[in-house]
C-alpha atoms as a PDB file:
ATOM      1  CA  UNK A   1     128.954 180.268  62.697  1.00  0.00           C
ATOM      2  CA  UNK A   2     129.813 181.924  66.015  1.00  0.00           C
ATOM      3  CA  UNK A   3     129.256 180.239  69.368  1.00  0.00           C
ATOM      4  CA  UNK A   4     126.027 182.088  70.217  1.00  0.00           C
ATOM      5  CA  UNK A   5     124.502 181.103  66.877  1.00  0.00           C
ATOM      6  CA  UNK A   6     125.424 177.477  67.536  1.00  0.00           C
ATOM      7  CA  UNK A   7     123.794 177.667  70.953  1.00  0.00           C
ATOM      8  CA  UNK A   8     120.616 179.114  69.468  1.00  0.00           C
ATOM      9  CA  UNK A   9     120.558 176.398  66.820  1.00  0.00           C
ATOM     10  CA  UNK A  10     121.157 173.660  69.406  1.00  0.00           C
ATOM     11  CA  UNK A  11     118.424 175.123  71.619  1.00  0.00           C
ATOM     12  CA  UNK A  12     115.940 175.073  68.753  1.00  0.00           C
ATOM     13  CA  UNK A  13     116.828 171.482  67.833  1.00  0.00           C
ATOM     14  CA  UNK A  14     116.536 170.370  71.447  1.00  0.00           C
ATOM     15  CA  UNK A  15     113.260 172.223  71.909  1.00  0.00           C
ATOM     16  CA  UNK A  16     111.833 170.490  68.833  1.00  0.00           C
ATOM     17  CA  UNK A  17     113.162 167.105  69.886  1.00  0.00           C
ATOM     18  CA  UNK A  18     111.727 167.370  73.401  1.00  0.00           C
ATOM     19  CA  UNK A  19     108.603 169.179  72.214  1.00  0.00           C
ATOM     20  CA  UNK A  20     108.854 171.789  74.922  1.00  0.00           C
ATOM     21  CA  UNK A  21     108.666 175.562  75.110  1.00  0.00           C
ATOM     22  CA  UNK A  22     111.810 177.716  75.075  1.00  0.00           C
ATOM     23  CA  UNK A  23     111.080 178.905  78.617  1.00  0.00           C
ATOM     24  CA  UNK A  24     110.655 175.327  79.904  1.00  0.00           C
ATOM     25  CA  UNK A  25     113.897 174.319  78.204  1.00  0.00           C
ATOM     26  CA  UNK A  26     115.700 177.299  79.769  1.00  0.00           C
ATOM     27  CA  UNK A  27     114.225 176.479  83.171  1.00  0.00           C
ATOM     28  CA  UNK A  28     115.362 172.863  82.971  1.00  0.00           C
ATOM     29  CA  UNK A  29     118.828 173.930  81.797  1.00  0.00           C
ATOM     30  CA  UNK A  30     119.211 176.373  84.694  1.00  0.00           C
ATOM     31  CA  UNK A  31     118.060 173.805  87.235  1.00  0.00           C
ATOM     32  CA  UNK A  32     120.418 171.154  85.847  1.00  0.00           C
ATOM     33  CA  UNK A  33     123.327 173.603  85.828  1.00  0.00           C
ATOM     34  CA  UNK A  34     122.681 174.723  89.400  1.00  0.00           C
ATOM     35  CA  UNK A  35     122.312 171.134  90.601  1.00  0.00           C
ATOM     36  CA  UNK A  36     125.640 170.197  88.988  1.00  0.00           C
ATOM     37  CA  UNK A  37     127.340 173.201  90.598  1.00  0.00           C
ATOM     38  CA  UNK A  38     125.837 172.191  93.950  1.00  0.00           C
ATOM     39  CA  UNK A  39     127.151 168.620  93.564  1.00  0.00           C
ATOM     40  CA  UNK A  40     130.644 169.877  92.783  1.00  0.00           C
ATOM     41  CA  UNK A  41     130.516 172.336  95.674  1.00  0.00           C
ATOM     42  CA  UNK A  42     129.350 169.599  98.072  1.00  0.00           C
ATOM     43  CA  UNK A  43     132.179 167.293  96.984  1.00  0.00           C
ATOM     44  CA  UNK A  44     134.810 169.995  97.515  1.00  0.00           C
ATOM     45  CA  UNK A  45     133.296 171.029 100.832  1.00  0.00           C
ATOM     46  CA  UNK A  46     132.980 167.484 102.138  1.00  0.00           C
ATOM     47  CA  UNK A  47     136.604 166.694 101.269  1.00  0.00           C
ATOM     48  CA  UNK A  48     137.733 169.544 103.489  1.00  0.00           C
ATOM     49  CA  UNK A  49     135.292 168.790 106.307  1.00  0.00           C
ATOM     50  CA  UNK A  50     136.358 165.136 106.356  1.00  0.00           C
ATOM     51  CA  UNK A  51     140.032 166.159 106.305  1.00  0.00           C
ATOM     52  CA  UNK A  52     139.528 167.900 109.658  1.00  0.00           C
ATOM     53  CA  UNK A  53     136.742 165.699 111.024  1.00  0.00           C
ATOM     54  CA  UNK A  54     134.304 168.591 111.362  1.00  0.00           C
ATOM     55  CA  UNK A  55     130.772 169.327 110.210  1.00  0.00           C
ATOM     56  CA  UNK A  56     131.017 173.039 109.465  1.00  0.00           C
ATOM     57  CA  UNK A  57     133.192 176.130 109.498  1.00  0.00           C
ATOM     58  CA  UNK A  58     132.307 176.832 113.148  1.00  0.00           C
ATOM     59  CA  UNK A  59     133.671 173.464 114.262  1.00  0.00           C
ATOM     60  CA  UNK A  60     136.786 174.144 112.201  1.00  0.00           C
ATOM     61  CA  UNK A  61     137.207 177.499 113.939  1.00  0.00           C
ATOM     62  CA  UNK A  62     136.832 175.789 117.300  1.00  0.00           C
ATOM     63  CA  UNK A  63     139.621 173.324 116.434  1.00  0.00           C
ATOM     64  CA  UNK A  64     141.879 176.238 115.540  1.00  0.00           C
ATOM     65  CA  UNK A  65     140.970 178.180 118.702  1.00  0.00           C
ATOM     66  CA  UNK A  66     141.659 175.117 120.865  1.00  0.00           C
ATOM     67  CA  UNK A  67     145.031 174.613 119.174  1.00  0.00           C
ATOM     68  CA  UNK A  68     144.070 171.165 117.878  1.00  0.00           C
ATOM     69  CA  UNK A  69     144.820 172.314 114.346  1.00  0.00           C
ATOM     70  CA  UNK A  70     147.692 174.583 113.402  1.00  0.00           C
ATOM     71  CA  UNK A  71     146.152 177.891 112.381  1.00  0.00           C
ATOM     72  CA  UNK A  72     148.795 178.699 109.793  1.00  0.00           C
ATOM     73  CA  UNK A  73     148.516 175.381 107.971  1.00  0.00           C
ATOM     74  CA  UNK A  74     144.694 175.298 108.121  1.00  0.00           C
ATOM     75  CA  UNK A  75     144.116 178.939 107.197  1.00  0.00           C
ATOM     76  CA  UNK A  76     143.442 178.380 103.490  1.00  0.00           C
ATOM     77  CA  UNK A  77     141.191 175.394 104.191  1.00  0.00           C
ATOM     78  CA  UNK A  78     139.244 177.401 106.771  1.00  0.00           C
ATOM     79  CA  UNK A  79     138.475 180.126 104.240  1.00  0.00           C
ATOM     80  CA  UNK A  80     137.735 177.555 101.532  1.00  0.00           C
ATOM     81  CA  UNK A  81     135.201 175.862 103.831  1.00  0.00           C
ATOM     82  CA  UNK A  82     133.621 179.233 104.558  1.00  0.00           C
ATOM     83  CA  UNK A  83     133.485 180.186 100.864  1.00  0.00           C
ATOM     84  CA  UNK A  84     132.088 176.803  99.789  1.00  0.00           C
ATOM     85  CA  UNK A  85     129.448 176.943 102.517  1.00  0.00           C
ATOM     86  CA  UNK A  86     128.411 180.388 101.294  1.00  0.00           C
ATOM     87  CA  UNK A  87     128.369 179.245  97.654  1.00  0.00           C
ATOM     88  CA  UNK A  88     126.198 176.252  98.568  1.00  0.00           C
ATOM     89  CA  UNK A  89     123.715 178.510 100.359  1.00  0.00           C
ATOM     90  CA  UNK A  90     123.583 180.945  97.441  1.00  0.00           C
ATOM     91  CA  UNK A  91     123.062 178.171  94.881  1.00  0.00           C
ATOM     92  CA  UNK A  92     120.335 176.688  97.043  1.00  0.00           C
ATOM     93  CA  UNK A  93     118.615 180.078  97.302  1.00  0.00           C
ATOM     94  CA  UNK A  94     118.649 180.517  93.512  1.00  0.00           C
ATOM     95  CA  UNK A  95     117.275 177.000  93.055  1.00  0.00           C
ATOM     96  CA  UNK A  96     114.493 177.687  95.574  1.00  0.00           C
ATOM     97  CA  UNK A  97     113.653 180.911  93.720  1.00  0.00           C
ATOM     98  CA  UNK A  98     113.447 179.021  90.430  1.00  0.00           C
ATOM     99  CA  UNK A  99     111.265 176.344  91.963  1.00  0.00           C
ATOM    100  CA  UNK A 100     108.834 178.894  93.349  1.00  0.00           C
ATOM    101  CA  UNK A 101     108.002 180.212  89.863  1.00  0.00           C
END
């Protein structure tokens, strides 16, 4: 049995067990997946923000501009903070879209 067949079988078993529709099961799975991704993103983002004692990428940029943080050593973290902030916003937007259905 290939992976997709196993997923279909597991979905059917879970749907029967929970007595829910396939669309409701899919919805709940998507929401749970997005929420888990958001938690992981928040953890990674907060680690970096705490490392520099800032609240967002703009405060991080200000530290670099003021010379309080070495630009070369903080460069990767700066872009990681920016990327994680963007990812968080995108995940939140998808979750809001799902919740408006």
